[in-house]
C-alpha cells in the first residue's frame, strides 16, 4: 500500500529531472568505461580483444562496480 502512495506522489517534473540526471550519469559512466578499456590496451601488451578485457580483468570489474555504486548515490532521493 505504501508503494502506491509513493507512486501517486510522483510528479512529472520530478520524473523528468530524474530521467535527465540519470541519462547524464550513464553517458559519463560509459565514456569512462571506454576510456578504461583503451588504457588497458595501451598498457597491457597481452590484451588481445575488447571481449577479453571485458570478461577477464577482475580489477576492471571492481573499478566499474565501485563507480556504479557511487553513481547510484548521486541520484536524487525518491519522493516523500
Protein backbone atom coordinates (compact mmCIF):
# COMPACT_ATOMS: atom_id res chain seq x y z
CA UNK A 1 0.00 0.00 0.00
CA UNK A 2 2.82 2.39 0.80
CA UNK A 3 4.35 1.97 -2.65
CA UNK A 4 1.10 3.03 -4.31
CA UNK A 5 1.06 6.19 -2.19
CA UNK A 6 4.63 6.97 -3.23
CA UNK A 7 3.85 6.49 -6.92
CA UNK A 8 0.84 8.78 -6.64
CA UNK A 9 3.11 11.48 -5.18
CA UNK A 10 5.43 11.25 -8.20
CA UNK A 11 5.17 14.48 -10.18
CA UNK A 12 6.02 14.82 -13.89
CA UNK A 13 8.68 17.39 -13.03
CA UNK A 14 10.38 15.00 -10.61
CA UNK A 15 10.28 12.20 -13.19
CA UNK A 16 11.78 14.42 -15.91
CA UNK A 17 14.53 15.60 -13.57
CA UNK A 18 15.37 12.04 -12.53
CA UNK A 19 15.48 10.75 -16.12
CA UNK A 20 17.58 13.65 -17.32
CA UNK A 21 20.04 13.35 -14.44
CA UNK A 22 20.26 9.56 -14.81
CA UNK A 23 20.91 9.89 -18.54
CA UNK A 24 23.79 12.27 -17.90
CA UNK A 25 25.29 9.97 -15.29
CA UNK A 26 25.03 6.96 -17.62
CA UNK A 27 26.65 8.81 -20.52
CA UNK A 28 29.53 9.83 -18.28
CA UNK A 29 29.92 6.28 -16.97
CA UNK A 30 30.04 4.76 -20.47
CA UNK A 31 32.65 7.31 -21.53
CA UNK A 32 34.76 6.26 -18.53
CA UNK A 33 34.30 2.58 -19.39
CA UNK A 34 35.54 3.15 -22.94
CA UNK A 35 38.50 5.09 -21.58
CA UNK A 36 39.33 2.29 -19.11
CA UNK A 37 39.39 -0.27 -21.92
CA UNK A 38 41.61 1.96 -24.07
CA UNK A 39 44.02 2.39 -21.15
CA UNK A 40 44.25 -1.38 -20.67
CA UNK A 41 45.10 -1.84 -24.35
CA UNK A 42 47.73 0.89 -24.12
CA UNK A 43 49.39 -0.55 -21.00
CA UNK A 44 48.93 -4.33 -21.31
CA UNK A 45 50.55 -5.91 -24.36
CA UNK A 46 48.82 -9.24 -23.56
CA UNK A 47 45.33 -7.77 -24.09
CA UNK A 48 44.12 -9.16 -27.41
CA UNK A 49 40.48 -8.15 -27.74
CA UNK A 50 37.84 -5.97 -26.16
CA UNK A 51 35.82 -9.05 -25.16
CA UNK A 52 38.85 -10.49 -23.37
CA UNK A 53 39.27 -7.26 -21.44
CA UNK A 54 35.56 -7.12 -20.60
CA UNK A 55 35.38 -10.68 -19.29
CA UNK A 56 38.85 -11.48 -17.91
CA UNK A 57 40.07 -8.43 -15.98
CA UNK A 58 38.71 -8.61 -12.40
CA UNK A 59 40.40 -5.36 -11.36
CA UNK A 60 38.45 -3.59 -14.07
CA UNK A 61 35.21 -5.15 -12.79
CA UNK A 62 35.96 -3.92 -9.28
CA UNK A 63 36.54 -0.36 -10.51
CA UNK A 64 33.30 -0.45 -12.52
CA UNK A 65 31.22 -1.73 -9.61
CA UNK A 66 32.65 0.99 -7.38
CA UNK A 67 31.68 3.62 -9.96
CA UNK A 68 28.16 2.19 -10.34
CA UNK A 69 27.63 2.24 -6.57
CA UNK A 70 29.00 5.78 -6.30
CA UNK A 71 26.78 6.99 -9.17
CA UNK A 72 23.71 5.43 -7.57
CA UNK A 73 24.34 7.58 -4.52
CA UNK A 74 24.32 10.67 -6.75
CA UNK A 75 20.74 10.03 -7.91
CA UNK A 76 18.04 12.22 -6.38
CA UNK A 77 16.14 10.69 -3.45
CA UNK A 78 12.73 9.17 -4.01
CA UNK A 79 9.72 11.44 -3.46
CA UNK A 80 8.21 11.66 0.02
